[in-house]
Amino acid sequence: MGKYEQITHARKILGIDESESLKNIKEKFKKLIKKYHPDTCTEVREKCRKKAEEIIDAYKIIIEYCSNYKFSFKKEEVMKYLSAREFWEKQFGNDPIWSNTFDKNKDL
């Protein structure tokens, strides 16, 4: 099995999408491992143990990939992830027409 197929298989085990934040990956892992941990699982203990091992192995594959991933800090890439507030301020700045409807103390 090639690296891409291995990562895709691991991704499917963990139930993560093709594009996912590290935070979401960790949350999904924790939820799954809690469900299938042999000490807390409501199914057959051996089945849960095997499923937990599968989940842990999948998580290791994904985390290894994420650890070696090169993040881009180019302006174009960073701009894709602006918050609603940052986007609004970038688009309209201090324009008096738009700034009256924008509450600077709240996120959009």
C-alpha atoms as a PDB file:
ATOM      1  CA  MET A   1       0.000   0.000   0.000  1.00  0.00           C
ATOM      2  CA  GLY A   2       1.397   3.398  -1.018  1.00  0.00           C
ATOM      3  CA  LYS A   3       1.669   6.383   1.324  1.00  0.00           C
ATOM      4  CA  TYR A   4      -1.427   8.097  -0.102  1.00  0.00           C
ATOM      5  CA  GLU A   5      -3.508   4.925   0.221  1.00  0.00           C
ATOM      6  CA  GLN A   6      -2.214   4.411   3.760  1.00  0.00           C
ATOM      7  CA  ILE A   7      -3.161   7.965   4.759  1.00  0.00           C
ATOM      8  CA  THR A   8      -6.553   7.686   3.053  1.00  0.00           C
ATOM      9  CA  HIS A   9      -7.274   4.427   4.873  1.00  0.00           C
ATOM     10  CA  ALA A  10      -6.237   5.968   8.209  1.00  0.00           C
ATOM     11  CA  ARG A  11      -8.333   9.070   7.477  1.00  0.00           C
ATOM     12  CA  LYS A  12     -11.403   6.930   6.862  1.00  0.00           C
ATOM     13  CA  ILE A  13     -10.877   4.957  10.071  1.00  0.00           C
ATOM     14  CA  LEU A  14     -10.795   8.212  12.023  1.00  0.00           C
ATOM     15  CA  GLY A  15     -13.703   9.686  10.077  1.00  0.00           C
ATOM     16  CA  ILE A  16     -11.828  12.808   9.018  1.00  0.00           C
ATOM     17  CA  ASP A  17     -12.463  14.712   5.810  1.00  0.00           C
ATOM     18  CA  GLU A  18      -9.906  15.403   3.093  1.00  0.00           C
ATOM     19  CA  SER A  19      -9.341  18.836   4.622  1.00  0.00           C
ATOM     20  CA  GLU A  20      -9.312  18.965   8.402  1.00  0.00           C
ATOM     21  CA  SER A  21      -7.657  21.019  11.122  1.00  0.00           C
ATOM     22  CA  LEU A  22      -5.290  19.379  13.577  1.00  0.00           C
ATOM     23  CA  LYS A  23      -7.702  20.345  16.333  1.00  0.00           C
ATOM     24  CA  ASN A  24     -10.548  18.431  14.641  1.00  0.00           C
ATOM     25  CA  ILE A  25      -8.321  15.428  13.999  1.00  0.00           C
ATOM     26  CA  LYS A  26      -7.444  15.232  17.685  1.00  0.00           C
ATOM     27  CA  GLU A  27     -11.084  15.686  18.739  1.00  0.00           C
ATOM     28  CA  LYS A  28     -12.281  12.905  16.443  1.00  0.00           C
ATOM     29  CA  PHE A  29      -9.506  10.606  17.666  1.00  0.00           C
ATOM     30  CA  LYS A  30     -10.384  11.249  21.321  1.00  0.00           C
ATOM     31  CA  LYS A  31     -14.067  10.621  20.665  1.00  0.00           C
ATOM     32  CA  LEU A  32     -13.374   7.326  18.859  1.00  0.00           C
ATOM     33  CA  ILE A  33     -10.814   6.032  21.328  1.00  0.00           C
ATOM     34  CA  LYS A  34     -13.163   6.814  24.207  1.00  0.00           C
ATOM     35  CA  LYS A  35     -15.932   4.870  22.468  1.00  0.00           C
ATOM     36  CA  TYR A  36     -13.785   1.810  21.701  1.00  0.00           C
ATOM     37  CA  HIS A  37     -11.442   1.731  24.696  1.00  0.00           C
ATOM     38  CA  PRO A  38     -11.610  -1.870  26.025  1.00  0.00           C
ATOM     39  CA  ASP A  39     -12.301  -0.677  29.582  1.00  0.00           C
ATOM     40  CA  THR A  40     -15.338   1.409  28.608  1.00  0.00           C
ATOM     41  CA  CYS A  41     -16.628  -0.235  25.427  1.00  0.00           C
ATOM     42  CA  THR A  42     -20.094  -1.797  25.637  1.00  0.00           C
ATOM     43  CA  GLU A  43     -19.355  -4.375  22.915  1.00  0.00           C
ATOM     44  CA  VAL A  44     -17.261  -7.559  23.112  1.00  0.00           C
ATOM     45  CA  ARG A  45     -13.983  -6.658  24.835  1.00  0.00           C
ATOM     46  CA  GLU A  46     -11.730  -8.320  22.220  1.00  0.00           C
ATOM     47  CA  LYS A  47     -13.543  -6.565  19.374  1.00  0.00           C
ATOM     48  CA  CYS A  48     -13.101  -3.229  21.156  1.00  0.00           C
ATOM     49  CA  ARG A  49      -9.408  -3.908  21.781  1.00  0.00           C
ATOM     50  CA  LYS A  50      -8.824  -4.577  18.072  1.00  0.00           C
ATOM     51  CA  LYS A  51     -10.799  -1.492  17.049  1.00  0.00           C
ATOM     52  CA  ALA A  52      -8.866   0.655  19.566  1.00  0.00           C
ATOM     53  CA  GLU A  53      -5.560  -0.625  18.143  1.00  0.00           C
ATOM     54  CA  GLU A  54      -6.768   0.173  14.620  1.00  0.00           C
ATOM     55  CA  ILE A  55      -7.744   3.704  15.703  1.00  0.00           C
ATOM     56  CA  ILE A  56      -4.393   4.294  17.427  1.00  0.00           C
ATOM     57  CA  ASP A  57      -2.452   3.037  14.390  1.00  0.00           C
ATOM     58  CA  ALA A  58      -4.502   5.274  12.078  1.00  0.00           C
ATOM     59  CA  TYR A  59      -3.931   8.266  14.356  1.00  0.00           C
ATOM     60  CA  LYS A  60      -0.168   7.650  14.365  1.00  0.00           C
ATOM     61  CA  ILE A  61      -0.137   7.626  10.545  1.00  0.00           C
ATOM     62  CA  ILE A  62      -2.091  10.885  10.333  1.00  0.00           C
ATOM     63  CA  ILE A  63      -0.045  12.634  13.042  1.00  0.00           C
ATOM     64  CA  GLU A  64       3.209  11.551  11.389  1.00  0.00           C
ATOM     65  CA  TYR A  65       1.972  13.012   8.101  1.00  0.00           C
ATOM     66  CA  CYS A  66       0.892  16.241   9.831  1.00  0.00           C
ATOM     67  CA  SER A  67       4.230  16.497  11.672  1.00  0.00           C
ATOM     68  CA  ASN A  68       6.123  16.415   8.389  1.00  0.00           C
ATOM     69  CA  TYR A  69       3.724  18.675   6.488  1.00  0.00           C
ATOM     70  CA  LYS A  70       5.224  21.959   5.351  1.00  0.00           C
ATOM     71  CA  PHE A  71       2.945  24.859   6.135  1.00  0.00           C
ATOM     72  CA  SER A  72       2.839  27.832   3.836  1.00  0.00           C
ATOM     73  CA  PHE A  73       3.125  31.265   5.400  1.00  0.00           C
ATOM     74  CA  LYS A  74       2.771  33.087   2.100  1.00  0.00           C
ATOM     75  CA  LYS A  75       0.397  36.028   2.153  1.00  0.00           C
ATOM     76  CA  GLU A  76      -2.022  34.379  -0.305  1.00  0.00           C
ATOM     77  CA  GLU A  77      -2.299  31.286   1.865  1.00  0.00           C
ATOM     78  CA  VAL A  78      -2.712  33.185   5.134  1.00  0.00           C
ATOM     79  CA  MET A  79      -5.413  35.372   3.563  1.00  0.00           C
ATOM     80  CA  LYS A  80      -7.547  32.268   2.892  1.00  0.00           C
ATOM     81  CA  TYR A  81      -8.014  31.826   6.641  1.00  0.00           C
ATOM     82  CA  LEU A  82      -9.006  35.319   7.768  1.00  0.00           C
ATOM     83  CA  SER A  83     -11.680  35.507  10.430  1.00  0.00           C
ATOM     84  CA  ALA A  84     -14.928  37.251   9.516  1.00  0.00           C
ATOM     85  CA  ARG A  85     -13.798  40.339  11.445  1.00  0.00           C
ATOM     86  CA  GLU A  86     -10.413  40.466   9.690  1.00  0.00           C
ATOM     87  CA  PHE A  87     -12.055  39.998   6.295  1.00  0.00           C
ATOM     88  CA  TRP A  88     -14.542  42.797   6.997  1.00  0.00           C
ATOM     89  CA  GLU A  89     -11.847  45.197   8.136  1.00  0.00           C
ATOM     90  CA  LYS A  90      -9.681  44.342   5.140  1.00  0.00           C
ATOM     91  CA  GLN A  91     -12.596  44.918   2.741  1.00  0.00           C
ATOM     92  CA  PHE A  92     -14.059  48.064   4.272  1.00  0.00           C
ATOM     93  CA  GLY A  93     -11.471  49.418   6.716  1.00  0.00           C
ATOM     94  CA  ASN A  94     -12.723  52.573   8.410  1.00  0.00           C
ATOM     95  CA  ASP A  95     -15.255  53.449   5.726  1.00  0.00           C
ATOM     96  CA  PRO A  96     -17.851  55.612   7.528  1.00  0.00           C
ATOM     97  CA  ILE A  97     -20.773  54.041   5.678  1.00  0.00           C
ATOM     98  CA  TRP A  98     -19.896  50.478   6.587  1.00  0.00           C
ATOM     99  CA  SER A  99     -18.276  51.017   9.957  1.00  0.00           C
ATOM    100  CA  ASN A 100     -21.594  52.212  11.472  1.00  0.00           C
ATOM    101  CA  THR A 101     -23.082  48.742  10.981  1.00  0.00           C
ATOM    102  CA  PHE A 102     -20.027  46.925  12.266  1.00  0.00           C
ATOM    103  CA  ASP A 103     -19.792  46.381  16.005  1.00  0.00           C
ATOM    104  CA  LYS A 104     -16.057  46.318  16.716  1.00  0.00           C
ATOM    105  CA  ASN A 105     -16.631  44.467  19.990  1.00  0.00           C
ATOM    106  CA  LYS A 106     -18.302  41.449  18.336  1.00  0.00           C
ATOM    107  CA  ASP A 107     -17.250  38.920  15.743  1.00  0.00           C
ATOM    108  CA  LEU A 108     -19.447  38.674  12.676  1.00  0.00           C
END
